[in-house]
Amino acid sequence: MSWKDFLTWLISILVKPQPSPTPSPTPSPNPNPSPNSFIDKLLNLHNTHRKSIGIGLLTLNTALTNAAQKHTNWMLKNNNLNHNENGKTPGQRITEEGYRWSAYGENIAFGYSTPEMVFSGWLKSAGHRQNIESTTYKDVGFGFAGNYWTTNFAK
């Protein structure tokens, strides 16, 4: 036996191998986030901004969310960023969901991958920002599909 073999053997007897630690899983972005997590984030972003400028908070509304989601699904299916859906205005679509409005607004977007990104984009656009900061609106609903986004505001 060579010295090298002897030392390897001796080390193997004297030193017990320690099990390698199990690697901790690293959090990764959820590739399919739930609609509720995006809705919660969007509501929080809108209301945090509104609070920061001293105006009333928006309340999440199911009818507005249904209208926003259906419109977003339509935009994705038709690859069409448009407020009008087969000739229907946002007001008509909101009414079809059973919401009786006296005022409404709609923000749409394409190409953003997170609620934070789309919200930031809307704030940089005067018309979209005006909807976000309007004291007229009391209720809100959100929709997203693929990279399409819709926010319906109403009172």
N, C-alpha and C. Protein backbone atom coordinates (compact mmCIF):
# COMPACT_ATOMS: atom_id res chain seq x y z
N MET A 1 0.85 -1.16 0.00
CA MET A 1 0.00 0.00 0.00
C MET A 1 0.90 1.23 0.00
N SER A 2 0.54 2.19 -0.85
CA SER A 2 1.34 3.42 -0.92
C SER A 2 0.95 4.34 0.22
N TRP A 3 1.84 5.34 0.48
CA TRP A 3 1.54 6.32 1.52
C TRP A 3 0.24 7.05 1.22
N LYS A 4 0.03 7.36 0.02
CA LYS A 4 -1.19 8.08 -0.38
C LYS A 4 -2.43 7.23 -0.07
N ASP A 5 -2.39 5.96 -0.43
CA ASP A 5 -3.51 5.07 -0.15
C ASP A 5 -3.71 4.90 1.35
N PHE A 6 -2.56 4.78 2.08
CA PHE A 6 -2.64 4.64 3.54
C PHE A 6 -3.29 5.87 4.17
N LEU A 7 -2.88 7.06 3.76
CA LEU A 7 -3.46 8.29 4.32
C LEU A 7 -4.94 8.41 3.98
N THR A 8 -5.32 8.08 2.78
CA THR A 8 -6.72 8.11 2.40
C THR A 8 -7.53 7.17 3.26
N TRP A 9 -7.00 5.96 3.50
CA TRP A 9 -7.67 4.98 4.34
C TRP A 9 -7.78 5.49 5.77
N LEU A 10 -6.69 6.01 6.31
CA LEU A 10 -6.66 6.50 7.68
C LEU A 10 -7.65 7.66 7.86
N ILE A 11 -7.67 8.57 6.93
CA ILE A 11 -8.59 9.71 7.00
C ILE A 11 -10.04 9.21 6.96
N SER A 12 -10.31 8.21 6.13
CA SER A 12 -11.67 7.71 6.01
C SER A 12 -12.14 7.05 7.31
N ILE A 13 -11.22 6.52 8.09
CA ILE A 13 -11.59 5.89 9.36
C ILE A 13 -11.77 6.95 10.46
N LEU A 14 -10.88 7.93 10.46
CA LEU A 14 -10.89 8.92 11.53
C LEU A 14 -11.93 10.03 11.34
N VAL A 15 -12.20 10.35 10.14
CA VAL A 15 -13.11 11.46 9.88
C VAL A 15 -14.43 10.90 9.34
N LYS A 16 -15.48 11.09 10.13
CA LYS A 16 -16.79 10.65 9.66
C LYS A 16 -17.31 11.68 8.67
N PRO A 17 -17.78 11.24 7.57
CA PRO A 17 -18.32 12.21 6.62
C PRO A 17 -19.61 12.83 7.19
N GLN A 18 -19.68 14.10 7.05
CA GLN A 18 -20.88 14.81 7.49
C GLN A 18 -21.87 14.85 6.32
N PRO A 19 -23.12 14.60 6.65
CA PRO A 19 -24.08 14.71 5.54
C PRO A 19 -24.13 16.15 5.02
N SER A 20 -24.23 16.25 3.74
CA SER A 20 -24.31 17.60 3.19
C SER A 20 -25.67 18.19 3.54
N PRO A 21 -25.63 19.47 3.89
CA PRO A 21 -26.89 20.10 4.28
C PRO A 21 -27.87 20.12 3.12
N THR A 22 -29.11 19.93 3.48
CA THR A 22 -30.16 20.01 2.47
C THR A 22 -30.32 21.48 2.08
N PRO A 23 -30.19 21.76 0.82
CA PRO A 23 -30.31 23.16 0.42
C PRO A 23 -31.72 23.68 0.70
N SER A 24 -31.75 24.89 1.21
CA SER A 24 -33.04 25.53 1.45
C SER A 24 -33.60 25.97 0.11
N PRO A 25 -34.90 25.73 -0.08
CA PRO A 25 -35.46 26.20 -1.35
C PRO A 25 -35.45 27.72 -1.42
N THR A 26 -35.10 28.21 -2.57
CA THR A 26 -35.12 29.66 -2.73
C THR A 26 -36.47 30.03 -3.33
N PRO A 27 -37.06 31.05 -2.77
CA PRO A 27 -38.36 31.45 -3.31
C PRO A 27 -38.21 31.91 -4.76
N SER A 28 -39.12 31.47 -5.56
CA SER A 28 -39.10 31.91 -6.95
C SER A 28 -40.45 32.52 -7.26
N PRO A 29 -40.48 33.40 -8.24
CA PRO A 29 -41.76 34.00 -8.58
C PRO A 29 -42.75 32.93 -9.01
N ASN A 30 -43.96 33.06 -8.57
CA ASN A 30 -45.00 32.12 -8.94
C ASN A 30 -45.34 32.35 -10.41
N PRO A 31 -45.14 31.32 -11.27
CA PRO A 31 -45.40 31.54 -12.69
C PRO A 31 -46.89 31.71 -12.98
N ASN A 32 -47.73 31.23 -12.08
CA ASN A 32 -49.18 31.35 -12.26
C ASN A 32 -49.81 31.93 -11.01
N PRO A 33 -49.57 33.20 -10.74
CA PRO A 33 -50.13 33.78 -9.52
C PRO A 33 -51.65 33.74 -9.57
N SER A 34 -52.25 33.61 -8.41
CA SER A 34 -53.70 33.54 -8.37
C SER A 34 -54.28 34.92 -8.70
N PRO A 35 -55.47 34.91 -9.29
CA PRO A 35 -56.11 36.20 -9.57
C PRO A 35 -56.25 37.04 -8.31
N ASN A 36 -56.55 36.40 -7.19
CA ASN A 36 -56.74 37.16 -5.96
C ASN A 36 -55.47 37.88 -5.54
N SER A 37 -54.30 37.28 -5.74
CA SER A 37 -53.07 37.96 -5.32
C SER A 37 -52.84 39.21 -6.17
N PHE A 38 -53.11 39.14 -7.47
CA PHE A 38 -52.96 40.32 -8.32
C PHE A 38 -54.01 41.36 -7.97
N ILE A 39 -55.22 40.94 -7.73
CA ILE A 39 -56.28 41.88 -7.37
C ILE A 39 -55.94 42.57 -6.06
N ASP A 40 -55.50 41.80 -5.07
CA ASP A 40 -55.12 42.39 -3.78
C ASP A 40 -54.00 43.40 -3.95
N LYS A 41 -53.00 43.07 -4.78
CA LYS A 41 -51.88 43.99 -5.00
C LYS A 41 -52.34 45.26 -5.70
N LEU A 42 -53.18 45.11 -6.71
CA LEU A 42 -53.66 46.29 -7.43
C LEU A 42 -54.51 47.18 -6.53
N LEU A 43 -55.38 46.58 -5.74
CA LEU A 43 -56.20 47.38 -4.82
C LEU A 43 -55.30 48.12 -3.83
N ASN A 44 -54.31 47.42 -3.30
CA ASN A 44 -53.39 48.04 -2.35
C ASN A 44 -52.60 49.19 -3.00
N LEU A 45 -52.12 48.98 -4.22
CA LEU A 45 -51.38 50.04 -4.92
C LEU A 45 -52.26 51.27 -5.15
N HIS A 46 -53.48 51.04 -5.62
CA HIS A 46 -54.39 52.17 -5.86
C HIS A 46 -54.69 52.91 -4.56
N ASN A 47 -55.02 52.15 -3.51
CA ASN A 47 -55.41 52.81 -2.26
C ASN A 47 -54.24 53.44 -1.52
N THR A 48 -53.06 52.85 -1.62
CA THR A 48 -51.87 53.47 -1.01
C THR A 48 -51.60 54.82 -1.68
N HIS A 49 -51.71 54.85 -3.01
CA HIS A 49 -51.48 56.10 -3.73
C HIS A 49 -52.56 57.12 -3.36
N ARG A 50 -53.81 56.70 -3.35
CA ARG A 50 -54.90 57.64 -3.03
C ARG A 50 -54.74 58.18 -1.61
N LYS A 51 -54.36 57.33 -0.69
CA LYS A 51 -54.16 57.77 0.69
C LYS A 51 -53.03 58.80 0.75
N SER A 52 -51.97 58.56 -0.04
CA SER A 52 -50.81 59.46 -0.01
C SER A 52 -51.14 60.86 -0.52
N ILE A 53 -52.19 60.98 -1.32
CA ILE A 53 -52.59 62.31 -1.82
C ILE A 53 -53.85 62.82 -1.11
N GLY A 54 -54.27 62.09 -0.07
CA GLY A 54 -55.34 62.57 0.78
C GLY A 54 -56.75 62.42 0.24
N ILE A 55 -56.98 61.41 -0.58
CA ILE A 55 -58.36 61.19 -1.07
C ILE A 55 -58.86 59.82 -0.60
N GLY A 56 -60.18 59.64 -0.69
CA GLY A 56 -60.83 58.42 -0.20
C GLY A 56 -60.35 57.17 -0.91
N LEU A 57 -60.44 56.08 -0.18
CA LEU A 57 -60.01 54.79 -0.70
C LEU A 57 -61.12 54.16 -1.55
N LEU A 58 -60.72 53.30 -2.45
CA LEU A 58 -61.65 52.57 -3.31
C LEU A 58 -62.05 51.25 -2.65
N THR A 59 -63.26 50.82 -2.93
CA THR A 59 -63.76 49.54 -2.43
C THR A 59 -63.82 48.56 -3.59
N LEU A 60 -63.29 47.37 -3.40
CA LEU A 60 -63.34 46.34 -4.44
C LEU A 60 -64.79 45.90 -4.64
N ASN A 61 -65.21 45.85 -5.90
CA ASN A 61 -66.58 45.50 -6.23
C ASN A 61 -66.58 44.31 -7.18
N THR A 62 -67.38 43.31 -6.86
CA THR A 62 -67.43 42.07 -7.65
C THR A 62 -67.93 42.32 -9.07
N ALA A 63 -68.97 43.12 -9.23
CA ALA A 63 -69.50 43.38 -10.58
C ALA A 63 -68.46 44.08 -11.45
N LEU A 64 -67.75 45.05 -10.87
CA LEU A 64 -66.71 45.75 -11.64
C LEU A 64 -65.55 44.81 -11.96
N THR A 65 -65.21 43.93 -11.01
CA THR A 65 -64.15 42.96 -11.27
C THR A 65 -64.57 41.99 -12.37
N ASN A 66 -65.81 41.54 -12.34
CA ASN A 66 -66.29 40.64 -13.40
C ASN A 66 -66.24 41.33 -14.77
N ALA A 67 -66.69 42.59 -14.82
CA ALA A 67 -66.65 43.33 -16.09
C ALA A 67 -65.20 43.50 -16.57
N ALA A 68 -64.31 43.85 -15.65
CA ALA A 68 -62.89 44.05 -16.00
C ALA A 68 -62.26 42.75 -16.48
N GLN A 69 -62.54 41.65 -15.78
CA GLN A 69 -61.94 40.37 -16.17
C GLN A 69 -62.45 39.90 -17.52
N LYS A 70 -63.74 40.01 -17.75
CA LYS A 70 -64.30 39.59 -19.03
C LYS A 70 -63.71 40.42 -20.18
N HIS A 71 -63.55 41.72 -19.94
CA HIS A 71 -62.98 42.57 -20.99
C HIS A 71 -61.52 42.22 -21.24
N THR A 72 -60.79 41.94 -20.17
CA THR A 72 -59.38 41.57 -20.32
C THR A 72 -59.26 40.26 -21.08
N ASN A 73 -60.12 39.29 -20.76
CA ASN A 73 -60.11 38.02 -21.49
C ASN A 73 -60.40 38.25 -22.98
N TRP A 74 -61.34 39.15 -23.27
CA TRP A 74 -61.67 39.46 -24.66
C TRP A 74 -60.46 40.08 -25.37
N MET A 75 -59.79 41.04 -24.70
CA MET A 75 -58.62 41.67 -25.32
C MET A 75 -57.54 40.63 -25.62
N LEU A 76 -57.29 39.72 -24.67
CA LEU A 76 -56.27 38.68 -24.88
C LEU A 76 -56.66 37.79 -26.05
N LYS A 77 -57.89 37.32 -26.03
CA LYS A 77 -58.36 36.40 -27.08
C LYS A 77 -58.25 37.04 -28.46
N ASN A 78 -58.56 38.34 -28.54
CA ASN A 78 -58.58 39.03 -29.83
C ASN A 78 -57.31 39.82 -30.11
N ASN A 79 -56.34 39.75 -29.19
CA ASN A 79 -55.09 40.51 -29.36
C ASN A 79 -55.41 41.96 -29.73
N ASN A 80 -56.25 42.58 -28.89
CA ASN A 80 -56.81 43.89 -29.23
C ASN A 80 -56.91 44.74 -27.97
N LEU A 81 -56.03 45.72 -27.84
CA LEU A 81 -56.08 46.66 -26.72
C LEU A 81 -57.06 47.76 -27.09
N ASN A 82 -58.27 47.68 -26.52
CA ASN A 82 -59.33 48.59 -26.95
C ASN A 82 -60.36 48.71 -25.83
N HIS A 83 -60.88 49.92 -25.61
CA HIS A 83 -61.93 50.11 -24.62
C HIS A 83 -63.27 49.58 -25.10
N ASN A 84 -63.47 49.56 -26.41
CA ASN A 84 -64.73 49.07 -26.96
C ASN A 84 -64.60 47.60 -27.33
N GLU A 85 -65.56 46.83 -26.87
CA GLU A 85 -65.55 45.39 -27.11
C GLU A 85 -66.75 45.03 -27.97
N ASN A 86 -66.49 44.77 -29.23
CA ASN A 86 -67.57 44.45 -30.16
C ASN A 86 -68.67 45.51 -30.12
N GLY A 87 -68.29 46.78 -30.05
CA GLY A 87 -69.24 47.88 -30.05
C GLY A 87 -69.79 48.26 -28.68
N LYS A 88 -69.42 47.52 -27.65
CA LYS A 88 -69.90 47.83 -26.29
C LYS A 88 -68.89 48.71 -25.57
N THR A 89 -69.40 49.76 -24.95
CA THR A 89 -68.56 50.65 -24.16
C THR A 89 -68.31 50.05 -22.78
N PRO A 90 -67.34 50.58 -22.05
CA PRO A 90 -67.14 50.12 -20.67
C PRO A 90 -68.42 50.28 -19.84
N GLY A 91 -69.14 51.37 -20.02
CA GLY A 91 -70.38 51.58 -19.27
C GLY A 91 -71.41 50.50 -19.54
N GLN A 92 -71.54 50.09 -20.79
CA GLN A 92 -72.48 49.02 -21.14
C GLN A 92 -72.06 47.69 -20.52
N ARG A 93 -70.76 47.42 -20.55
CA ARG A 93 -70.26 46.17 -19.98
C ARG A 93 -70.44 46.14 -18.46
N ILE A 94 -70.22 47.29 -17.82
CA ILE A 94 -70.41 47.39 -16.36
C ILE A 94 -71.88 47.19 -16.01
N THR A 95 -72.77 47.81 -16.79
CA THR A 95 -74.21 47.66 -16.56
C THR A 95 -74.63 46.20 -16.71
N GLU A 96 -74.09 45.52 -17.72
CA GLU A 96 -74.43 44.11 -17.93
C GLU A 96 -74.07 43.23 -16.73
N GLU A 97 -73.12 43.66 -15.94
CA GLU A 97 -72.74 42.91 -14.74
C GLU A 97 -73.61 43.27 -13.54
N GLY A 98 -74.56 44.19 -13.74
CA GLY A 98 -75.49 44.51 -12.67
C GLY A 98 -75.12 45.71 -11.81
N TYR A 99 -74.09 46.44 -12.20
CA TYR A 99 -73.68 47.62 -11.43
C TYR A 99 -74.45 48.82 -11.96
N ARG A 100 -75.14 49.52 -11.08
CA ARG A 100 -75.86 50.74 -11.46
C ARG A 100 -74.96 51.93 -11.18
N TRP A 101 -74.40 52.49 -12.21
CA TRP A 101 -73.39 53.53 -12.06
C TRP A 101 -73.97 54.91 -12.39
N SER A 102 -73.35 55.91 -11.78
CA SER A 102 -73.62 57.30 -12.17
C SER A 102 -72.38 57.89 -12.84
N ALA A 103 -71.25 57.23 -12.68
CA ALA A 103 -69.99 57.63 -13.34
C ALA A 103 -69.11 56.40 -13.43
N TYR A 104 -68.33 56.31 -14.49
CA TYR A 104 -67.38 55.20 -14.62
C TYR A 104 -66.14 55.67 -15.36
N GLY A 105 -65.08 54.92 -15.19
CA GLY A 105 -63.84 55.13 -15.92
C GLY A 105 -63.17 53.79 -16.12
N GLU A 106 -62.28 53.72 -17.08
CA GLU A 106 -61.60 52.45 -17.34
C GLU A 106 -60.15 52.72 -17.72
N ASN A 107 -59.25 51.97 -17.11
CA ASN A 107 -57.85 51.95 -17.52
C ASN A 107 -57.56 50.58 -18.11
N ILE A 108 -56.90 50.57 -19.26
CA ILE A 108 -56.45 49.32 -19.85
C ILE A 108 -54.97 49.44 -20.17
N ALA A 109 -54.32 48.29 -20.28
CA ALA A 109 -52.89 48.30 -20.59
C ALA A 109 -52.50 46.95 -21.18
N PHE A 110 -51.35 46.95 -21.84
CA PHE A 110 -50.78 45.73 -22.40
C PHE A 110 -49.27 45.76 -22.23
N GLY A 111 -48.70 44.61 -21.95
CA GLY A 111 -47.25 44.48 -21.96
C GLY A 111 -46.59 44.47 -20.60
N TYR A 112 -47.33 44.67 -19.56
CA TYR A 112 -46.74 44.67 -18.22
C TYR A 112 -46.89 43.29 -17.60
N SER A 113 -45.92 42.90 -16.77
CA SER A 113 -45.96 41.55 -16.20
C SER A 113 -46.31 41.50 -14.71
N THR A 114 -46.36 42.65 -14.04
CA THR A 114 -46.70 42.65 -12.62
C THR A 114 -47.66 43.80 -12.32
N PRO A 115 -48.42 43.68 -11.23
CA PRO A 115 -49.28 44.78 -10.83
C PRO A 115 -48.50 46.08 -10.60
N GLU A 116 -47.32 45.98 -10.02
CA GLU A 116 -46.51 47.17 -9.76
C GLU A 116 -46.11 47.87 -11.06
N MET A 117 -45.76 47.09 -12.05
CA MET A 117 -45.34 47.67 -13.33
C MET A 117 -46.50 48.36 -14.05
N VAL A 118 -47.67 47.69 -14.09
CA VAL A 118 -48.80 48.30 -14.78
C VAL A 118 -49.27 49.54 -14.04
N PHE A 119 -49.28 49.49 -12.71
CA PHE A 119 -49.72 50.66 -11.94
C PHE A 119 -48.77 51.84 -12.18
N SER A 120 -47.49 51.58 -12.20
CA SER A 120 -46.51 52.62 -12.47
C SER A 120 -46.73 53.22 -13.86
N GLY A 121 -47.00 52.37 -14.83
CA GLY A 121 -47.28 52.85 -16.18
C GLY A 121 -48.52 53.73 -16.23
N TRP A 122 -49.56 53.33 -15.53
CA TRP A 122 -50.78 54.13 -15.50
C TRP A 122 -50.53 55.50 -14.85
N LEU A 123 -49.72 55.51 -13.80
CA LEU A 123 -49.45 56.80 -13.14
C LEU A 123 -48.69 57.76 -14.06
N LYS A 124 -47.95 57.23 -15.02
CA LYS A 124 -47.18 58.08 -15.94
C LYS A 124 -48.03 58.62 -17.09
N SER A 125 -49.27 58.16 -17.18
CA SER A 125 -50.17 58.60 -18.25
C SER A 125 -51.24 59.50 -17.64
N ALA A 126 -51.37 60.71 -18.16
CA ALA A 126 -52.28 61.69 -17.57
C ALA A 126 -53.71 61.18 -17.44
N GLY A 127 -54.25 60.59 -18.49
CA GLY A 127 -55.63 60.11 -18.46
C GLY A 127 -55.83 58.98 -17.47
N HIS A 128 -54.90 58.06 -17.45
CA HIS A 128 -55.00 56.93 -16.52
C HIS A 128 -54.85 57.43 -15.08
N ARG A 129 -53.90 58.32 -14.89
CA ARG A 129 -53.68 58.88 -13.54
C ARG A 129 -54.92 59.62 -13.06
N GLN A 130 -55.57 60.33 -13.97
CA GLN A 130 -56.79 61.06 -13.61
C GLN A 130 -57.85 60.09 -13.08
N ASN A 131 -58.01 58.94 -13.72
CA ASN A 131 -58.96 57.94 -13.21
C ASN A 131 -58.55 57.45 -11.82
N ILE A 132 -57.28 57.15 -11.64
CA ILE A 132 -56.79 56.65 -10.35
C ILE A 132 -57.02 57.68 -9.25
N GLU A 133 -56.84 58.94 -9.56
CA GLU A 133 -56.90 59.99 -8.54
C GLU A 133 -58.27 60.68 -8.47
N SER A 134 -59.23 60.23 -9.24
CA SER A 134 -60.54 60.87 -9.24
C SER A 134 -61.27 60.62 -7.91
N THR A 135 -61.79 61.71 -7.34
CA THR A 135 -62.59 61.59 -6.12
C THR A 135 -64.03 61.19 -6.44
N THR A 136 -64.37 61.15 -7.70
CA THR A 136 -65.72 60.73 -8.11
C THR A 136 -65.93 59.25 -7.85
N TYR A 137 -64.92 58.44 -8.15
CA TYR A 137 -65.07 56.99 -8.07
C TYR A 137 -64.95 56.49 -6.65
N LYS A 138 -65.82 55.54 -6.32
CA LYS A 138 -65.83 54.93 -4.98
C LYS A 138 -65.52 53.44 -5.04
N ASP A 139 -65.82 52.80 -6.18
CA ASP A 139 -65.66 51.36 -6.33
C ASP A 139 -64.70 51.07 -7.47
N VAL A 140 -64.12 49.86 -7.43
CA VAL A 140 -63.12 49.48 -8.42
C VAL A 140 -63.18 47.98 -8.64
N GLY A 141 -62.77 47.56 -9.83
CA GLY A 141 -62.62 46.14 -10.15
C GLY A 141 -61.45 45.97 -11.09
N PHE A 142 -60.81 44.81 -11.03
CA PHE A 142 -59.59 44.58 -11.80
C PHE A 142 -59.69 43.28 -12.60
N GLY A 143 -59.03 43.28 -13.75
CA GLY A 143 -58.90 42.06 -14.55
C GLY A 143 -57.52 41.99 -15.16
N PHE A 144 -57.00 40.78 -15.32
CA PHE A 144 -55.73 40.59 -16.02
C PHE A 144 -55.72 39.22 -16.66
N ALA A 145 -55.08 39.14 -17.82
CA ALA A 145 -54.91 37.88 -18.55
C ALA A 145 -53.72 38.07 -19.47
N GLY A 146 -52.78 37.14 -19.42
CA GLY A 146 -51.57 37.31 -20.22
C GLY A 146 -50.91 38.60 -19.78
N ASN A 147 -50.67 39.49 -20.70
CA ASN A 147 -50.11 40.82 -20.38
C ASN A 147 -51.14 41.92 -20.59
N TYR A 148 -52.41 41.58 -20.55
CA TYR A 148 -53.49 42.56 -20.68
C TYR A 148 -54.06 42.86 -19.29
N TRP A 149 -54.42 44.13 -19.08
CA TRP A 149 -54.91 44.59 -17.79
C TRP A 149 -56.10 45.52 -17.98
N THR A 150 -57.06 45.42 -17.06
CA THR A 150 -58.19 46.35 -17.06
C THR A 150 -58.51 46.74 -15.63
N THR A 151 -58.77 48.02 -15.42
CA THR A 151 -59.33 48.52 -14.16
C THR A 151 -60.61 49.26 -14.50
N ASN A 152 -61.71 48.87 -13.84
CA ASN A 152 -62.97 49.60 -13.97
C ASN A 152 -63.21 50.36 -12.67
N PHE A 153 -63.44 51.66 -12.82
CA PHE A 153 -63.78 52.54 -11.70
C PHE A 153 -65.24 52.94 -11.85
N ALA A 154 -65.95 53.11 -10.74
CA ALA A 154 -67.33 53.56 -10.87
C ALA A 154 -67.84 54.12 -9.54
N LYS A 155 -69.00 54.78 -9.70
CA LYS A 155 -69.75 55.29 -8.55
C LYS A 155 -71.20 55.05 -8.86
